[in-house]
Amino acid sequence: MLHVAIEQLREGDVLVLAPTSPCTDGCFGDLLATSAQARGCHGLVIEAGARDVADPRAKGFAVWSRAVPIQGTVKETLGSVHVPIVCGGQAIAAGDVILAGDDGAVVVRRDEAAEVRDAAEADRRALLAAGELGPNICGMRTRLAEKGLRYV
């Protein structure tokens, strides 16, 4: 069903997968990541294992998984696509917004996404109005320094 789910991907999607029973085997790997990325997918959150995670990450495809095993799985078992699931203890529905980084992932319900975005923008606007600088708010100082930024 992973191949069927990949067929349904659109530009900008994050693929969120949960098996029907506990599993830490490698349900997803570099080849599926390549296929998903070609469809415009930005990353994977999976309540199971993912193999070969270094190569997809190096190609800009983010992977968050329960485990990183060597053992693979059969991909022919029937399942459901675009149905509500539980992943990482969170209820997730098709269209929800997934925000993720090196420290983890969070889900924002689709019907709350605009409100959350507006609140985040208001918080940032308040910080800027108080004189805080953008590079401090966004944590850009280290990345800019690593790229060679020098103040003269």
C-alpha atoms as a PDB file:
ATOM      1  CA  MET A   1       0.000   0.000   0.000  1.00  0.00           C
ATOM      2  CA  LEU A   2       2.983   2.313   0.300  1.00  0.00           C
ATOM      3  CA  HIS A   3       3.201   2.431  -3.478  1.00  0.00           C
ATOM      4  CA  VAL A   4      -0.514   3.313  -3.646  1.00  0.00           C
ATOM      5  CA  ALA A   5      -0.045   6.037  -1.027  1.00  0.00           C
ATOM      6  CA  ILE A   6       2.865   7.447  -3.050  1.00  0.00           C
ATOM      7  CA  GLU A   7       0.601   7.562  -6.111  1.00  0.00           C
ATOM      8  CA  GLN A   8      -1.675   9.930  -4.180  1.00  0.00           C
ATOM      9  CA  LEU A   9       1.046  12.392  -3.158  1.00  0.00           C
ATOM     10  CA  ARG A  10       0.958  16.016  -4.268  1.00  0.00           C
ATOM     11  CA  GLU A  11       3.590  18.729  -4.235  1.00  0.00           C
ATOM     12  CA  GLY A  12       4.350  19.821  -0.671  1.00  0.00           C
ATOM     13  CA  ASP A  13       2.894  16.758   1.065  1.00  0.00           C
ATOM     14  CA  VAL A  14       4.423  14.988   4.036  1.00  0.00           C
ATOM     15  CA  LEU A  15       3.658  11.263   4.006  1.00  0.00           C
ATOM     16  CA  VAL A  16       2.386  10.033   7.382  1.00  0.00           C
ATOM     17  CA  LEU A  17       2.097   6.253   7.803  1.00  0.00           C
ATOM     18  CA  ALA A  18       0.930   3.952  10.596  1.00  0.00           C
ATOM     19  CA  PRO A  19       0.647   0.169  10.346  1.00  0.00           C
ATOM     20  CA  THR A  20      -2.395  -1.609  11.750  1.00  0.00           C
ATOM     21  CA  SER A  21      -0.216  -3.496  14.256  1.00  0.00           C
ATOM     22  CA  PRO A  22       3.039  -2.587  16.015  1.00  0.00           C
ATOM     23  CA  CYS A  23       6.024  -2.848  13.685  1.00  0.00           C
ATOM     24  CA  THR A  24       9.625  -1.719  13.798  1.00  0.00           C
ATOM     25  CA  ASP A  25      10.645  -3.400  10.531  1.00  0.00           C
ATOM     26  CA  GLY A  26      11.809  -1.187   7.674  1.00  0.00           C
ATOM     27  CA  CYS A  27       8.592  -0.440   5.798  1.00  0.00           C
ATOM     28  CA  PHE A  28      10.160   2.463   3.911  1.00  0.00           C
ATOM     29  CA  GLY A  29      13.605   3.042   2.445  1.00  0.00           C
ATOM     30  CA  ASP A  30      15.690   4.951  -0.064  1.00  0.00           C
ATOM     31  CA  LEU A  31      13.868   3.687  -3.174  1.00  0.00           C
ATOM     32  CA  LEU A  32      10.422   4.625  -1.855  1.00  0.00           C
ATOM     33  CA  ALA A  33      11.823   7.961  -0.682  1.00  0.00           C
ATOM     34  CA  THR A  34      13.097   8.619  -4.209  1.00  0.00           C
ATOM     35  CA  SER A  35       9.657   7.834  -5.623  1.00  0.00           C
ATOM     36  CA  ALA A  36       7.869  10.011  -3.036  1.00  0.00           C
ATOM     37  CA  GLN A  37      10.269  12.902  -3.557  1.00  0.00           C
ATOM     38  CA  ALA A  38       9.727  12.734  -7.326  1.00  0.00           C
ATOM     39  CA  ARG A  39       5.999  13.304  -6.627  1.00  0.00           C
ATOM     40  CA  GLY A  40       6.795  16.448  -4.601  1.00  0.00           C
ATOM     41  CA  CYS A  41       6.731  14.905  -1.131  1.00  0.00           C
ATOM     42  CA  HIS A  42       8.962  16.663   1.429  1.00  0.00           C
ATOM     43  CA  GLY A  43       9.263  13.924   4.028  1.00  0.00           C
ATOM     44  CA  LEU A  44       7.970  10.944   5.941  1.00  0.00           C
ATOM     45  CA  VAL A  45       6.630  10.428   9.456  1.00  0.00           C
ATOM     46  CA  ILE A  46       6.113   6.720  10.131  1.00  0.00           C
ATOM     47  CA  GLU A  47       4.925   4.769  13.159  1.00  0.00           C
ATOM     48  CA  ALA A  48       7.218   1.912  12.084  1.00  0.00           C
ATOM     49  CA  GLY A  49      10.750   1.460  10.835  1.00  0.00           C
ATOM     50  CA  ALA A  50      12.465   3.197   7.939  1.00  0.00           C
ATOM     51  CA  ARG A  51      15.653   1.889   6.331  1.00  0.00           C
ATOM     52  CA  ASP A  52      18.393   3.713   4.444  1.00  0.00           C
ATOM     53  CA  VAL A  53      17.529   7.049   6.110  1.00  0.00           C
ATOM     54  CA  ALA A  54      20.889   8.753   5.509  1.00  0.00           C
ATOM     55  CA  ASP A  55      20.585   8.892   1.712  1.00  0.00           C
ATOM     56  CA  PRO A  56      17.065  10.380   1.605  1.00  0.00           C
ATOM     57  CA  ARG A  57      18.043  12.979   4.223  1.00  0.00           C
ATOM     58  CA  ALA A  58      21.136  13.886   2.200  1.00  0.00           C
ATOM     59  CA  LYS A  59      18.809  14.461  -0.777  1.00  0.00           C
ATOM     60  CA  GLY A  60      16.541  16.775   1.229  1.00  0.00           C
ATOM     61  CA  PHE A  61      13.875  14.179   2.089  1.00  0.00           C
ATOM     62  CA  ALA A  62      13.228  14.242   5.833  1.00  0.00           C
ATOM     63  CA  VAL A  63      12.504  10.994   7.694  1.00  0.00           C
ATOM     64  CA  TRP A  64      11.078  10.526  11.203  1.00  0.00           C
ATOM     65  CA  SER A  65      10.560   6.883  12.167  1.00  0.00           C
ATOM     66  CA  ARG A  66       9.989   4.676  15.188  1.00  0.00           C
ATOM     67  CA  ALA A  67      13.115   2.652  14.332  1.00  0.00           C
ATOM     68  CA  VAL A  68      15.937   2.345  11.784  1.00  0.00           C
ATOM     69  CA  PRO A  69      16.185  -1.419  11.170  1.00  0.00           C
ATOM     70  CA  ILE A  70      17.858  -3.577   8.564  1.00  0.00           C
ATOM     71  CA  GLN A  71      14.826  -5.892   8.204  1.00  0.00           C
ATOM     72  CA  GLY A  72      12.528  -4.946   5.330  1.00  0.00           C
ATOM     73  CA  THR A  73       8.855  -5.789   4.767  1.00  0.00           C
ATOM     74  CA  VAL A  74       6.482  -7.039   2.081  1.00  0.00           C
ATOM     75  CA  LYS A  75       4.717  -4.156   0.328  1.00  0.00           C
ATOM     76  CA  GLU A  76       1.664  -6.066  -0.968  1.00  0.00           C
ATOM     77  CA  THR A  77      -0.491  -6.104   2.178  1.00  0.00           C
ATOM     78  CA  LEU A  78      -3.727  -4.204   1.648  1.00  0.00           C
ATOM     79  CA  GLY A  79      -4.385  -1.123   3.745  1.00  0.00           C
ATOM     80  CA  SER A  80      -6.173   2.200   3.606  1.00  0.00           C
ATOM     81  CA  VAL A  81      -5.092   5.566   2.215  1.00  0.00           C
ATOM     82  CA  HIS A  82      -6.467   8.997   3.238  1.00  0.00           C
ATOM     83  CA  VAL A  83      -8.073   7.707   6.439  1.00  0.00           C
ATOM     84  CA  PRO A  84      -7.552   9.004   9.982  1.00  0.00           C
ATOM     85  CA  ILE A  85      -4.640   7.291  11.776  1.00  0.00           C
ATOM     86  CA  VAL A  86      -2.705   7.489  15.012  1.00  0.00           C
ATOM     87  CA  CYS A  87       1.014   8.142  14.630  1.00  0.00           C
ATOM     88  CA  GLY A  88       3.294   8.990  17.538  1.00  0.00           C
ATOM     89  CA  GLY A  89       0.256   8.992  19.807  1.00  0.00           C
ATOM     90  CA  GLN A  90      -1.407  11.759  17.781  1.00  0.00           C
ATOM     91  CA  ALA A  91      -4.600  11.520  15.756  1.00  0.00           C
ATOM     92  CA  ILE A  92      -3.861  12.619  12.196  1.00  0.00           C
ATOM     93  CA  ALA A  93      -6.242  13.108   9.280  1.00  0.00           C
ATOM     94  CA  ALA A  94      -5.532  13.686   5.605  1.00  0.00           C
ATOM     95  CA  GLY A  95      -4.832  17.384   5.082  1.00  0.00           C
ATOM     96  CA  ASP A  96      -3.493  18.072   8.582  1.00  0.00           C
ATOM     97  CA  VAL A  97      -0.303  20.129   8.666  1.00  0.00           C
ATOM     98  CA  ILE A  98       2.869  18.401   9.850  1.00  0.00           C
ATOM     99  CA  LEU A  99       5.642  20.628  11.215  1.00  0.00           C
ATOM    100  CA  ALA A 100       8.870  18.779  11.874  1.00  0.00           C
ATOM    101  CA  GLY A 101      12.501  19.407  12.647  1.00  0.00           C
ATOM    102  CA  ASP A 102      15.500  17.709  14.204  1.00  0.00           C
ATOM    103  CA  ASP A 103      13.763  17.586  17.592  1.00  0.00           C
ATOM    104  CA  GLY A 104      10.548  15.921  16.420  1.00  0.00           C
ATOM    105  CA  ALA A 105       7.253  16.551  14.719  1.00  0.00           C
ATOM    106  CA  VAL A 106       3.905  18.109  15.615  1.00  0.00           C
ATOM    107  CA  VAL A 107       0.535  17.941  13.900  1.00  0.00           C
ATOM    108  CA  VAL A 108      -1.737  20.955  13.410  1.00  0.00           C
ATOM    109  CA  ARG A 109      -5.329  20.104  12.534  1.00  0.00           C
ATOM    110  CA  ARG A 110      -6.264  21.311   9.081  1.00  0.00           C
ATOM    111  CA  ASP A 111      -9.158  23.420  10.393  1.00  0.00           C
ATOM    112  CA  GLU A 112      -6.820  25.103  12.919  1.00  0.00           C
ATOM    113  CA  ALA A 113      -3.860  25.717  10.580  1.00  0.00           C
ATOM    114  CA  ALA A 114      -4.741  29.289   9.581  1.00  0.00           C
ATOM    115  CA  GLU A 115      -5.353  30.277  13.205  1.00  0.00           C
ATOM    116  CA  VAL A 116      -2.037  28.745  14.316  1.00  0.00           C
ATOM    117  CA  ARG A 117      -0.203  30.473  11.443  1.00  0.00           C
ATOM    118  CA  ASP A 118      -1.787  33.829  12.300  1.00  0.00           C
ATOM    119  CA  ALA A 119      -0.920  33.440  15.995  1.00  0.00           C
ATOM    120  CA  ALA A 120       2.700  32.577  15.176  1.00  0.00           C
ATOM    121  CA  GLU A 121       2.923  35.593  12.878  1.00  0.00           C
ATOM    122  CA  ALA A 122       1.440  37.851  15.574  1.00  0.00           C
ATOM    123  CA  ASP A 123       3.999  36.562  18.096  1.00  0.00           C
ATOM    124  CA  ARG A 124       6.838  37.217  15.651  1.00  0.00           C
ATOM    125  CA  ARG A 125       5.447  40.676  14.815  1.00  0.00           C
ATOM    126  CA  ALA A 126       5.341  41.545  18.539  1.00  0.00           C
ATOM    127  CA  LEU A 127       8.976  40.481  18.986  1.00  0.00           C
ATOM    128  CA  LEU A 128      10.066  42.536  15.965  1.00  0.00           C
ATOM    129  CA  ALA A 129       8.076  45.545  17.209  1.00  0.00           C
ATOM    130  CA  ALA A 130       9.879  45.235  20.556  1.00  0.00           C
ATOM    131  CA  GLY A 131      13.210  45.563  18.732  1.00  0.00           C
ATOM    132  CA  GLU A 132      14.218  41.894  18.541  1.00  0.00           C
ATOM    133  CA  LEU A 133      16.163  41.109  15.370  1.00  0.00           C
ATOM    134  CA  GLY A 134      15.092  38.531  12.797  1.00  0.00           C
ATOM    135  CA  PRO A 135      18.287  36.435  12.964  1.00  0.00           C
ATOM    136  CA  ASN A 136      17.795  36.082  16.737  1.00  0.00           C
ATOM    137  CA  ILE A 137      14.122  35.119  16.437  1.00  0.00           C
ATOM    138  CA  CYS A 138      14.717  32.561  13.698  1.00  0.00           C
ATOM    139  CA  GLY A 139      17.914  31.067  15.100  1.00  0.00           C
ATOM    140  CA  MET A 140      19.834  32.100  11.997  1.00  0.00           C
ATOM    141  CA  ARG A 141      23.039  33.388  13.596  1.00  0.00           C
ATOM    142  CA  THR A 142      24.856  30.033  13.637  1.00  0.00           C
ATOM    143  CA  ARG A 143      23.795  29.081  10.108  1.00  0.00           C
ATOM    144  CA  LEU A 144      24.836  32.475   8.750  1.00  0.00           C
ATOM    145  CA  ALA A 145      28.209  32.225  10.482  1.00  0.00           C
ATOM    146  CA  GLU A 146      28.708  28.715   9.076  1.00  0.00           C
ATOM    147  CA  LYS A 147      28.053  30.122   5.591  1.00  0.00           C
ATOM    148  CA  GLY A 148      30.721  32.759   6.127  1.00  0.00           C
ATOM    149  CA  LEU A 149      28.776  35.868   7.155  1.00  0.00           C
ATOM    150  CA  ARG A 150      31.108  38.426   8.676  1.00  0.00           C
ATOM    151  CA  TYR A 151      30.093  41.813  10.036  1.00  0.00           C
ATOM    152  CA  VAL A 152      32.477  44.614   9.094  1.00  0.00           C
END
